[in-house]
PDB file of N, CA and C in Angstrom:
ATOM      1  N   MET A   1      46.874 120.519  56.722  1.00  0.00           N
ATOM      2  CA  MET A   1      47.834 119.702  56.004  1.00  0.00           C
ATOM      3  C   MET A   1      47.324 119.364  54.609  1.00  0.00           C
ATOM      4  N   ALA A   2      46.031 119.369  54.404  1.00  0.00           N
ATOM      5  CA  ALA A   2      45.468 119.020  53.107  1.00  0.00           C
ATOM      6  C   ALA A   2      45.749 120.099  52.073  1.00  0.00           C
ATOM      7  N   ASN A   3      45.911 121.338  52.502  1.00  0.00           N
ATOM      8  CA  ASN A   3      46.124 122.432  51.565  1.00  0.00           C
ATOM      9  C   ASN A   3      47.605 122.656  51.224  1.00  0.00           C
ATOM     10  N   LEU A   4      48.515 121.965  51.898  1.00  0.00           N
ATOM     11  CA  LEU A   4      49.939 122.149  51.622  1.00  0.00           C
ATOM     12  C   LEU A   4      50.313 121.508  50.297  1.00  0.00           C
ATOM     13  N   GLY A   5      51.191 122.171  49.558  1.00  0.00           N
ATOM     14  CA  GLY A   5      51.709 121.577  48.338  1.00  0.00           C
ATOM     15  C   GLY A   5      52.757 120.528  48.689  1.00  0.00           C
ATOM     16  N   PHE A   6      53.185 119.775  47.699  1.00  0.00           N
ATOM     17  CA  PHE A   6      54.134 118.689  47.946  1.00  0.00           C
ATOM     18  C   PHE A   6      55.450 119.220  48.497  1.00  0.00           C
ATOM     19  N   PHE A   7      56.021 120.234  47.862  1.00  0.00           N
ATOM     20  CA  PHE A   7      57.308 120.756  48.300  1.00  0.00           C
ATOM     21  C   PHE A   7      57.180 121.530  49.607  1.00  0.00           C
ATOM     22  N   GLN A   8      56.051 122.167  49.824  1.00  0.00           N
ATOM     23  CA  GLN A   8      55.828 122.850  51.098  1.00  0.00           C
ATOM     24  C   GLN A   8      55.726 121.835  52.229  1.00  0.00           C
ATOM     25  N   MET A   9      55.114 120.691  51.942  1.00  0.00           N
ATOM     26  CA  MET A   9      55.015 119.649  52.951  1.00  0.00           C
ATOM     27  C   MET A   9      56.402 119.089  53.274  1.00  0.00           C
ATOM     28  N   LEU A  10      57.247 118.935  52.242  1.00  0.00           N
ATOM     29  CA  LEU A  10      58.606 118.453  52.494  1.00  0.00           C
ATOM     30  C   LEU A  10      59.418 119.473  53.289  1.00  0.00           C
ATOM     31  N   ARG A  11      59.189 120.755  53.051  1.00  0.00           N
ATOM     32  CA  ARG A  11      59.895 121.776  53.823  1.00  0.00           C
ATOM     33  C   ARG A  11      59.431 121.780  55.273  1.00  0.00           C
ATOM     34  N   LYS A  12      58.160 121.499  55.493  1.00  0.00           N
ATOM     35  CA  LYS A  12      57.628 121.508  56.855  1.00  0.00           C
ATOM     36  C   LYS A  12      58.002 120.226  57.603  1.00  0.00           C
ATOM     37  N   TYR A  13      57.877 119.068  56.937  1.00  0.00           N
ATOM     38  CA  TYR A  13      58.186 117.781  57.548  1.00  0.00           C
ATOM     39  C   TYR A  13      59.445 117.227  56.893  1.00  0.00           C
ATOM     40  N   LYS A  14      60.596 117.614  57.395  1.00  0.00           N
ATOM     41  CA  LYS A  14      61.869 117.235  56.781  1.00  0.00           C
ATOM     42  C   LYS A  14      62.176 115.738  56.917  1.00  0.00           C
ATOM     43  N   GLU A  15      61.510 115.054  57.824  1.00  0.00           N
ATOM     44  CA  GLU A  15      61.757 113.620  57.988  1.00  0.00           C
ATOM     45  C   GLU A  15      61.183 112.801  56.830  1.00  0.00           C
ATOM     46  N   LEU A  16      60.374 113.400  55.980  1.00  0.00           N
ATOM     47  CA  LEU A  16      59.836 112.700  54.818  1.00  0.00           C
ATOM     48  C   LEU A  16      60.790 112.689  53.626  1.00  0.00           C
ATOM     49  N   ILE A  17      61.821 113.527  53.653  1.00  0.00           N
ATOM     50  CA  ILE A  17      62.741 113.639  52.512  1.00  0.00           C
ATOM     51  C   ILE A  17      63.429 112.306  52.204  1.00  0.00           C
ATOM     52  N   PRO A  18      64.004 111.578  53.193  1.00  0.00           N
ATOM     53  CA  PRO A  18      64.607 110.271  52.847  1.00  0.00           C
ATOM     54  C   PRO A  18      63.590 109.263  52.313  1.00  0.00           C
ATOM     55  N   LEU A  19      62.387 109.293  52.863  1.00  0.00           N
ATOM     56  CA  LEU A  19      61.339 108.380  52.387  1.00  0.00           C
ATOM     57  C   LEU A  19      60.997 108.654  50.931  1.00  0.00           C
ATOM     58  N   VAL A  20      60.842 109.911  50.582  1.00  0.00           N
ATOM     59  CA  VAL A  20      60.542 110.283  49.198  1.00  0.00           C
ATOM     60  C   VAL A  20      61.712 109.901  48.293  1.00  0.00           C
ATOM     61  N   GLY A  21      62.938 110.066  48.790  1.00  0.00           N
ATOM     62  CA  GLY A  21      64.119 109.692  48.001  1.00  0.00           C
ATOM     63  C   GLY A  21      64.178 108.203  47.720  1.00  0.00           C
ATOM     64  N   PHE A  22      63.943 107.381  48.746  1.00  0.00           N
ATOM     65  CA  PHE A  22      63.990 105.933  48.557  1.00  0.00           C
ATOM     66  C   PHE A  22      62.859 105.438  47.654  1.00  0.00           C
ATOM     67  N   VAL A  23      61.679 105.970  47.835  1.00  0.00           N
ATOM     68  CA  VAL A  23      60.552 105.572  46.986  1.00  0.00           C
ATOM     69  C   VAL A  23      60.790 106.015  45.548  1.00  0.00           C
ATOM     70  N   GLY A  24      61.366 107.191  45.364  1.00  0.00           N
ATOM     71  CA  GLY A  24      61.692 107.666  44.014  1.00  0.00           C
ATOM     72  C   GLY A  24      62.738 106.790  43.344  1.00  0.00           C
ATOM     73  N   CYS A  25      63.782 106.399  44.094  1.00  0.00           N
ATOM     74  CA  CYS A  25      64.809 105.511  43.523  1.00  0.00           C
ATOM     75  C   CYS A  25      64.219 104.149  43.168  1.00  0.00           C
ATOM     76  N   ALA A  26      63.323 103.636  44.002  1.00  0.00           N
ATOM     77  CA  ALA A  26      62.694 102.346  43.706  1.00  0.00           C
ATOM     78  C   ALA A  26      61.830 102.435  42.450  1.00  0.00           C
ATOM     79  N   ALA A  27      61.123 103.546  42.288  1.00  0.00           N
ATOM     80  CA  ALA A  27      60.283 103.718  41.097  1.00  0.00           C
ATOM     81  C   ALA A  27      61.136 103.826  39.841  1.00  0.00           C
ATOM     82  N   VAL A  28      62.224 104.575  39.909  1.00  0.00           N
ATOM     83  CA  VAL A  28      63.119 104.699  38.753  1.00  0.00           C
ATOM     84  C   VAL A  28      63.742 103.348  38.418  1.00  0.00           C
ATOM     85  N   GLY A  29      64.124 102.574  39.438  1.00  0.00           N
ATOM     86  CA  GLY A  29      64.692 101.249  39.209  1.00  0.00           C
ATOM     87  C   GLY A  29      63.699 100.296  38.573  1.00  0.00           C
ATOM     88  N   ALA A  30      62.456 100.345  39.016  1.00  0.00           N
ATOM     89  CA  ALA A  30      61.428  99.460  38.450  1.00  0.00           C
ATOM     90  C   ALA A  30      61.153  99.804  36.991  1.00  0.00           C
ATOM     91  N   VAL A  31      61.068 101.081  36.682  1.00  0.00           N
ATOM     92  CA  VAL A  31      60.816 101.505  35.300  1.00  0.00           C
ATOM     93  C   VAL A  31      61.997 101.153  34.409  1.00  0.00           C
ATOM     94  N   SER A  32      63.223 101.389  34.883  1.00  0.00           N
ATOM     95  CA  SER A  32      64.389 101.086  34.044  1.00  0.00           C
ATOM     96  C   SER A  32      64.548  99.584  33.845  1.00  0.00           C
ATOM     97  N   SER A  33      64.234  98.778  34.855  1.00  0.00           N
ATOM     98  CA  SER A  33      64.294  97.323  34.692  1.00  0.00           C
ATOM     99  C   SER A  33      63.268  96.841  33.679  1.00  0.00           C
ATOM    100  N   SER A  34      62.085  97.417  33.713  1.00  0.00           N
ATOM    101  CA  SER A  34      61.044  97.043  32.750  1.00  0.00           C
ATOM    102  C   SER A  34      61.440  97.426  31.327  1.00  0.00           C
ATOM    103  N   LEU A  35      61.990  98.614  31.156  1.00  0.00           N
ATOM    104  CA  LEU A  35      62.419  99.039  29.822  1.00  0.00           C
ATOM    105  C   LEU A  35      63.576  98.195  29.313  1.00  0.00           C
ATOM    106  N   TYR A  36      64.489  97.814  30.198  1.00  0.00           N
ATOM    107  CA  TYR A  36      65.589  96.931  29.798  1.00  0.00           C
ATOM    108  C   TYR A  36      65.040  95.591  29.311  1.00  0.00           C
ATOM    109  N   ALA A  37      64.082  95.032  30.038  1.00  0.00           N
ATOM    110  CA  ALA A  37      63.503  93.748  29.644  1.00  0.00           C
ATOM    111  C   ALA A  37      62.767  93.861  28.317  1.00  0.00           C
ATOM    112  N   LEU A  38      62.077  94.967  28.093  1.00  0.00           N
ATOM    113  CA  LEU A  38      61.342  95.135  26.837  1.00  0.00           C
ATOM    114  C   LEU A  38      62.273  95.208  25.633  1.00  0.00           C
ATOM    115  N   HIS A  39      63.425  95.831  25.790  1.00  0.00           N
ATOM    116  CA  HIS A  39      64.298  96.048  24.637  1.00  0.00           C
ATOM    117  C   HIS A  39      65.363  94.980  24.449  1.00  0.00           C
ATOM    118  N   HIS A  40      65.778  94.301  25.517  1.00  0.00           N
ATOM    119  CA  HIS A  40      66.926  93.414  25.391  1.00  0.00           C
ATOM    120  C   HIS A  40      66.631  91.940  25.629  1.00  0.00           C
ATOM    121  N   LYS A  41      65.509  91.607  26.211  1.00  0.00           N
ATOM    122  CA  LYS A  41      65.213  90.206  26.491  1.00  0.00           C
ATOM    123  C   LYS A  41      64.439  89.593  25.330  1.00  0.00           C
ATOM    124  N   SER A  42      64.797  88.366  24.989  1.00  0.00           N
ATOM    125  CA  SER A  42      64.151  87.719  23.853  1.00  0.00           C
ATOM    126  C   SER A  42      62.832  87.055  24.241  1.00  0.00           C
ATOM    127  N   ASP A  43      62.587  86.846  25.528  1.00  0.00           N
ATOM    128  CA  ASP A  43      61.344  86.199  25.918  1.00  0.00           C
ATOM    129  C   ASP A  43      60.209  87.182  26.155  1.00  0.00           C
ATOM    130  N   VAL A  44      60.457  88.474  26.014  1.00  0.00           N
ATOM    131  CA  VAL A  44      59.415  89.491  26.147  1.00  0.00           C
ATOM    132  C   VAL A  44      58.965  89.874  24.746  1.00  0.00           C
ATOM    133  N   ILE A  45      57.665  89.741  24.469  1.00  0.00           N
ATOM    134  CA  ILE A  45      57.133  89.981  23.131  1.00  0.00           C
ATOM    135  C   ILE A  45      56.209  91.189  23.169  1.00  0.00           C
ATOM    136  N   ILE A  46      56.487  92.162  22.321  1.00  0.00           N
ATOM    137  CA  ILE A  46      55.617  93.328  22.208  1.00  0.00           C
ATOM    138  C   ILE A  46      54.701  93.181  21.007  1.00  0.00           C
ATOM    139  N   ASN A  47      55.244  92.761  19.876  1.00  0.00           N
ATOM    140  CA  ASN A  47      54.500  92.655  18.625  1.00  0.00           C
ATOM    141  C   ASN A  47      54.346  91.179  18.269  1.00  0.00           C
ATOM    142  N   LYS A  48      53.210  90.601  18.586  1.00  0.00           N
ATOM    143  CA  LYS A  48      52.995  89.184  18.310  1.00  0.00           C
ATOM    144  C   LYS A  48      52.766  88.917  16.829  1.00  0.00           C
ATOM    145  N   SER A  49      52.179  89.866  16.115  1.00  0.00           N
ATOM    146  CA  SER A  49      51.872  89.624  14.709  1.00  0.00           C
ATOM    147  C   SER A  49      53.116  89.733  13.833  1.00  0.00           C
ATOM    148  N   GLY A  50      54.104  90.494  14.242  1.00  0.00           N
ATOM    149  CA  GLY A  50      55.314  90.658  13.437  1.00  0.00           C
ATOM    150  C   GLY A  50      56.188  89.421  13.443  1.00  0.00           C
ATOM    151  N   ASN A  51      56.268  88.723  14.581  1.00  0.00           N
ATOM    152  CA  ASN A  51      57.080  87.523  14.698  1.00  0.00           C
ATOM    153  C   ASN A  51      56.322  86.550  15.600  1.00  0.00           C
ATOM    154  N   PRO A  52      55.496  85.664  15.024  1.00  0.00           N
ATOM    155  CA  PRO A  52      54.670  84.790  15.859  1.00  0.00           C
ATOM    156  C   PRO A  52      55.464  83.721  16.604  1.00  0.00           C
ATOM    157  N   GLU A  53      56.675  83.407  16.177  1.00  0.00           N
ATOM    158  CA  GLU A  53      57.500  82.399  16.839  1.00  0.00           C
ATOM    159  C   GLU A  53      58.873  82.985  17.160  1.00  0.00           C
ATOM    160  N   PRO A  54      58.969  83.860  18.151  1.00  0.00           N
ATOM    161  CA  PRO A  54      60.240  84.536  18.429  1.00  0.00           C
ATOM    162  C   PRO A  54      61.291  83.627  19.048  1.00  0.00           C
ATOM    163  N   TRP A  55      60.904  82.483  19.585  1.00  0.00           N
ATOM    164  CA  TRP A  55      61.873  81.590  20.203  1.00  0.00           C
ATOM    165  C   TRP A  55      62.786  80.945  19.173  1.00  0.00           C
ATOM    166  N   GLU A  56      62.390  80.981  17.897  1.00  0.00           N
ATOM    167  CA  GLU A  56      63.250  80.403  16.865  1.00  0.00           C
ATOM    168  C   GLU A  56      64.404  81.328  16.501  1.00  0.00           C
ATOM    169  N   SER A  57      64.291  82.607  16.816  1.00  0.00           N
ATOM    170  CA  SER A  57      65.359  83.542  16.477  1.00  0.00           C
ATOM    171  C   SER A  57      66.326  83.769  17.628  1.00  0.00           C
ATOM    172  N   VAL A  58      66.213  83.007  18.720  1.00  0.00           N
ATOM    173  CA  VAL A  58      67.118  83.156  19.859  1.00  0.00           C
ATOM    174  C   VAL A  58      68.435  82.463  19.530  1.00  0.00           C
ATOM    175  N   ASN A  59      69.517  83.162  19.719  1.00  0.00           N
ATOM    176  CA  ASN A  59      70.845  82.607  19.475  1.00  0.00           C
ATOM    177  C   ASN A  59      71.254  81.770  20.681  1.00  0.00           C
ATOM    178  N   PRO A  60      71.458  80.451  20.535  1.00  0.00           N
ATOM    179  CA  PRO A  60      71.826  79.628  21.695  1.00  0.00           C
ATOM    180  C   PRO A  60      73.243  79.900  22.188  1.00  0.00           C
ATOM    181  N   ASN A  61      74.076  80.539  21.375  1.00  0.00           N
ATOM    182  CA  ASN A  61      75.435  80.850  21.800  1.00  0.00           C
ATOM    183  C   ASN A  61      75.505  82.108  22.648  1.00  0.00           C
ATOM    184  N   LYS A  62      74.447  82.901  22.650  1.00  0.00           N
ATOM    185  CA  LYS A  62      74.430  84.147  23.413  1.00  0.00           C
ATOM    186  C   LYS A  62      73.731  83.927  24.751  1.00  0.00           C
ATOM    187  N   SER A  63      74.330  84.428  25.805  1.00  0.00           N
ATOM    188  CA  SER A  63      73.750  84.287  27.134  1.00  0.00           C
ATOM    189  C   SER A  63      72.482  85.120  27.244  1.00  0.00           C
ATOM    190  N   GLN A  64      71.433  84.536  27.822  1.00  0.00           N
ATOM    191  CA  GLN A  64      70.171  85.242  28.003  1.00  0.00           C
ATOM    192  C   GLN A  64      70.020  85.779  29.422  1.00  0.00           C
ATOM    193  N   LYS A  65      70.982  85.480  30.279  1.00  0.00           N
ATOM    194  CA  LYS A  65      70.911  85.917  31.668  1.00  0.00           C
ATOM    195  C   LYS A  65      71.553  87.290  31.816  1.00  0.00           C
ATOM    196  N   LEU A  66      71.203  87.984  32.902  1.00  0.00           N
ATOM    197  CA  LEU A  66      71.797  89.276  33.181  1.00  0.00           C
ATOM    198  C   LEU A  66      73.255  89.110  33.580  1.00  0.00           C
ATOM    199  N   VAL A  67      73.536  88.115  34.423  1.00  0.00           N
ATOM    200  CA  VAL A  67      74.900  87.832  34.859  1.00  0.00           C
ATOM    201  C   VAL A  67      75.146  86.344  34.686  1.00  0.00           C
ATOM    202  N   THR A  68      76.219  85.984  33.990  1.00  0.00           N
ATOM    203  CA  THR A  68      76.600  84.591  33.801  1.00  0.00           C
ATOM    204  C   THR A  68      78.031  84.416  34.272  1.00  0.00           C
ATOM    205  N   ILE A  69      78.242  83.470  35.182  1.00  0.00           N
ATOM    206  CA  ILE A  69      79.569  83.241  35.740  1.00  0.00           C
ATOM    207  C   ILE A  69      80.025  81.849  35.350  1.00  0.00           C
ATOM    208  N   ASN A  70      81.161  81.768  34.652  1.00  0.00           N
ATOM    209  CA  ASN A  70      81.814  80.505  34.287  1.00  0.00           C
ATOM    210  C   ASN A  70      80.867  79.512  33.627  1.00  0.00           C
ATOM    211  N   GLN A  71      80.208  79.941  32.587  1.00  0.00           N
ATOM    212  CA  GLN A  71      79.320  79.040  31.872  1.00  0.00           C
ATOM    213  C   GLN A  71      79.596  79.170  30.385  1.00  0.00           C
ATOM    214  N   GLU A  72      79.764  78.036  29.727  1.00  0.00           N
ATOM    215  CA  GLU A  72      80.027  78.028  28.296  1.00  0.00           C
ATOM    216  C   GLU A  72      78.725  77.776  27.548  1.00  0.00           C
ATOM    217  N   TRP A  73      78.552  78.487  26.456  1.00  0.00           N
ATOM    218  CA  TRP A  73      77.343  78.340  25.648  1.00  0.00           C
ATOM    219  C   TRP A  73      77.721  77.632  24.355  1.00  0.00           C
ATOM    220  N   LYS A  74      77.102  76.498  24.117  1.00  0.00           N
ATOM    221  CA  LYS A  74      77.351  75.718  22.906  1.00  0.00           C
ATOM    222  C   LYS A  74      76.042  75.565  22.147  1.00  0.00           C
ATOM    223  N   SER A  75      76.150  75.451  20.844  1.00  0.00           N
ATOM    224  CA  SER A  75      74.939  75.217  20.065  1.00  0.00           C
ATOM    225  C   SER A  75      74.494  73.763  20.242  1.00  0.00           C
ATOM    226  N   ILE A  76      73.213  73.535  20.222  1.00  0.00           N
ATOM    227  CA  ILE A  76      72.646  72.204  20.413  1.00  0.00           C
ATOM    228  C   ILE A  76      72.531  71.543  19.047  1.00  0.00           C
ATOM    229  N   GLU A  77      73.135  70.381  18.906  1.00  0.00           N
ATOM    230  CA  GLU A  77      73.189  69.707  17.608  1.00  0.00           C
ATOM    231  C   GLU A  77      71.801  69.320  17.114  1.00  0.00           C
ATOM    232  N   GLU A  78      70.956  68.829  18.006  1.00  0.00           N
ATOM    233  CA  GLU A  78      69.614  68.418  17.600  1.00  0.00           C
ATOM    234  C   GLU A  78      68.806  69.619  17.111  1.00  0.00           C
ATOM    235  N   LEU A  79      68.981  70.748  17.758  1.00  0.00           N
ATOM    236  CA  LEU A  79      68.275  71.956  17.359  1.00  0.00           C
ATOM    237  C   LEU A  79      68.743  72.404  15.976  1.00  0.00           C
ATOM    238  N   GLU A  80      70.015  72.330  15.718  1.00  0.00           N
ATOM    239  CA  GLU A  80      70.546  72.715  14.403  1.00  0.00           C
ATOM    240  C   GLU A  80      70.026  71.779  13.315  1.00  0.00           C
ATOM    241  N   LYS A  81      69.912  70.478  13.606  1.00  0.00           N
ATOM    242  CA  LYS A  81      69.381  69.533  12.622  1.00  0.00           C
ATOM    243  C   LYS A  81      67.929  69.822  12.305  1.00  0.00           C
ATOM    244  N   VAL A  82      67.153  70.141  13.348  1.00  0.00           N
ATOM    245  CA  VAL A  82      65.735  70.449  13.136  1.00  0.00           C
ATOM    246  C   VAL A  82      65.587  71.729  12.331  1.00  0.00           C
ATOM    247  N   LYS A  83      66.407  72.717  12.605  1.00  0.00           N
ATOM    248  CA  LYS A  83      66.347  73.991  11.844  1.00  0.00           C
ATOM    249  C   LYS A  83      66.685  73.757  10.384  1.00  0.00           C
ATOM    250  N   LYS A  84      67.663  72.904  10.104  1.00  0.00           N
ATOM    251  CA  LYS A  84      68.037  72.604   8.712  1.00  0.00           C
ATOM    252  C   LYS A  84      66.903  71.862   8.002  1.00  0.00           C
ATOM    253  N   MET A  85      66.239  70.973   8.741  1.00  0.00           N
ATOM    254  CA  MET A  85      65.147  70.211   8.134  1.00  0.00           C
ATOM    255  C   MET A  85      63.931  71.112   7.852  1.00  0.00           C
ATOM    256  N   MET A  86      63.710  72.110   8.669  1.00  0.00           N
ATOM    257  CA  MET A  86      62.556  73.000   8.503  1.00  0.00           C
ATOM    258  C   MET A  86      62.743  73.995   7.363  1.00  0.00           C
ATOM    259  N   LYS A  87      63.989  74.260   6.971  1.00  0.00           N
ATOM    260  CA  LYS A  87      64.238  75.235   5.904  1.00  0.00           C
ATOM    261  C   LYS A  87      64.046  74.664   4.546  1.00  0.00           C
TER     262      LYS A  87
END
């Protein structure tokens, strides 16, 4: 069994095909979820030197969740006052 190639082993032991399929789908899902978080989430930071305070560029009117049901997003008045004072 040690000398069999991967596809030869799958041809010999056909009961492993669903297992390989499920593990492959889980791996693809994990990688795609990680890439989605890297590119679309504001709390994930890749380049710390380019933007040392990324939380200041988050739009409070935009939902940060993957799924939002019946929730309204309003800007926070105190946050807007602080931003105006800092500029």
